């Protein structure tokens, strides 16, 4: 019963955050929800900026070691992973959105053009 309540709260916080980042609302960047990268499912992912947003609750599907492996793998592909506790989205949504916007802005300014567009 308690597990069901935690899952419901987690889904509610994801939906709340999604309503603010969908439809290119943050710096014109498109985020995808539940985007699959290899064997991992991300909460939210921007391919343009290679930024992943994860909401972490008290009930998490990965162990700490698995989290580290997952994080290292995603970073090896050039992604930055931002983690926010569910409670932070609930209590400080606009602070979370500010941090996401800062990361998007930073990543957009640091990205190189695709290799095929670089001149020899």
Protein backbone atom coordinates (compact mmCIF):
# COMPACT_ATOMS: atom_id res chain seq x y z
CA UNK A 1 0.00 0.00 0.00
CA UNK A 2 2.76 2.44 0.95
CA UNK A 3 4.66 1.48 -2.21
CA UNK A 4 1.59 2.34 -4.30
CA UNK A 5 1.34 5.75 -2.63
CA UNK A 6 5.01 6.48 -3.33
CA UNK A 7 4.61 5.46 -6.97
CA UNK A 8 1.52 7.64 -7.34
CA UNK A 9 3.36 10.63 -5.86
CA UNK A 10 6.37 10.00 -8.11
CA UNK A 11 4.16 9.90 -11.20
CA UNK A 12 2.36 13.05 -10.07
CA UNK A 13 5.66 14.93 -9.72
CA UNK A 14 6.85 13.71 -13.13
CA UNK A 15 3.60 14.92 -14.70
CA UNK A 16 3.96 18.27 -12.95
CA UNK A 17 7.52 18.79 -14.21
CA UNK A 18 6.57 17.55 -17.69
CA UNK A 19 3.86 20.19 -17.95
CA UNK A 20 6.59 22.86 -17.61
CA UNK A 21 9.28 21.42 -19.90
CA UNK A 22 7.23 19.95 -22.74
CA UNK A 23 6.54 21.73 -26.02
CA UNK A 24 9.92 23.47 -26.07
CA UNK A 25 9.08 25.74 -23.11
CA UNK A 26 12.68 25.88 -21.86
CA UNK A 27 14.90 27.83 -24.26
CA UNK A 28 13.10 26.30 -27.24
CA UNK A 29 14.55 22.85 -26.49
CA UNK A 30 12.51 19.71 -27.05
CA UNK A 31 12.44 17.17 -24.24
CA UNK A 32 11.20 13.63 -24.72
CA UNK A 33 9.45 11.74 -21.95
CA UNK A 34 10.46 8.17 -21.07
CA UNK A 35 13.14 8.15 -23.76
CA UNK A 36 15.05 4.89 -24.20
CA UNK A 37 18.84 4.97 -24.57
CA UNK A 38 20.21 1.45 -25.05
CA UNK A 39 18.72 -0.51 -22.14
CA UNK A 40 17.94 2.51 -19.97
CA UNK A 41 14.73 4.51 -19.80
CA UNK A 42 15.23 8.17 -18.95
CA UNK A 43 12.55 10.28 -17.30
CA UNK A 44 13.15 13.24 -19.65
CA UNK A 45 15.76 13.66 -22.37
CA UNK A 46 16.81 16.44 -24.73
CA UNK A 47 18.75 15.00 -27.65
CA UNK A 48 19.61 18.49 -28.89
CA UNK A 49 21.50 19.39 -25.71
CA UNK A 50 22.25 15.81 -24.60
CA UNK A 51 20.65 16.57 -21.24
CA UNK A 52 18.76 14.02 -19.15
CA UNK A 53 16.53 14.87 -16.20
CA UNK A 54 15.82 12.20 -13.62
CA UNK A 55 13.41 12.40 -10.70
CA UNK A 56 14.51 10.30 -7.77
CA UNK A 57 12.15 9.12 -5.09
CA UNK A 58 12.56 7.06 -1.95
CA UNK A 59 11.64 4.01 -4.02
CA UNK A 60 14.07 3.75 -6.89
CA UNK A 61 14.35 0.97 -9.43
CA UNK A 62 18.18 0.84 -9.36
CA UNK A 63 20.66 0.08 -6.59
CA UNK A 64 23.38 2.63 -5.89
CA UNK A 65 25.90 0.55 -7.88
CA UNK A 66 23.49 0.22 -10.81
CA UNK A 67 22.85 3.97 -10.67
CA UNK A 68 26.59 4.61 -10.95
CA UNK A 69 26.91 2.25 -13.95
CA UNK A 70 23.90 3.85 -15.62
CA UNK A 71 25.22 7.37 -15.00
CA UNK A 72 28.70 6.51 -16.29
CA UNK A 73 27.26 4.89 -19.42
CA UNK A 74 25.03 7.88 -20.24
CA UNK A 75 27.89 10.32 -19.62
CA UNK A 76 30.14 8.23 -21.90
CA UNK A 77 27.63 9.00 -24.67
CA UNK A 78 27.99 12.73 -23.97
CA UNK A 79 24.87 13.19 -21.87
CA UNK A 80 24.69 15.22 -18.69
CA UNK A 81 22.30 13.78 -16.12
CA UNK A 82 20.51 16.06 -13.66
CA UNK A 83 18.94 14.36 -10.64
CA UNK A 84 16.18 15.95 -8.60
CA UNK A 85 14.39 14.39 -5.63
CA UNK A 86 10.62 14.21 -6.07
CA UNK A 87 10.20 16.27 -2.92
CA UNK A 88 12.26 19.05 -4.52
CA UNK A 89 9.88 19.22 -7.49
CA UNK A 90 6.99 19.32 -5.04
CA UNK A 91 8.46 21.99 -2.75
CA UNK A 92 10.65 24.07 -5.09
CA UNK A 93 9.43 23.55 -8.65
CA UNK A 94 10.60 26.93 -9.92
CA UNK A 95 14.09 26.46 -8.45
CA UNK A 96 14.28 23.10 -10.26
CA UNK A 97 13.14 24.75 -13.49
CA UNK A 98 15.81 27.45 -13.06
CA UNK A 99 18.51 24.79 -12.69
CA UNK A 100 17.25 22.98 -15.79
CA UNK A 101 17.23 26.24 -17.75
CA UNK A 102 20.80 27.00 -16.62
CA UNK A 103 21.95 23.55 -17.73
CA UNK A 104 20.18 23.88 -21.10
CA UNK A 105 21.72 27.31 -21.71
CA UNK A 106 25.19 26.09 -20.74
CA UNK A 107 24.93 22.95 -22.88
CA UNK A 108 23.61 24.86 -25.89
CA UNK A 109 26.53 27.29 -25.74
CA UNK A 110 29.13 24.51 -25.33
CA UNK A 111 27.94 22.13 -28.03
CA UNK A 112 30.00 21.76 -31.16
CA UNK A 113 28.33 21.49 -34.55
CA UNK A 114 27.94 17.94 -35.89
CA UNK A 115 31.18 16.53 -37.32
CA UNK A 116 29.82 16.51 -40.86
CA UNK A 117 29.37 20.31 -40.68
CA UNK A 118 32.96 21.03 -39.64
CA UNK A 119 35.25 22.21 -42.41
CA UNK A 120 38.56 20.35 -42.89
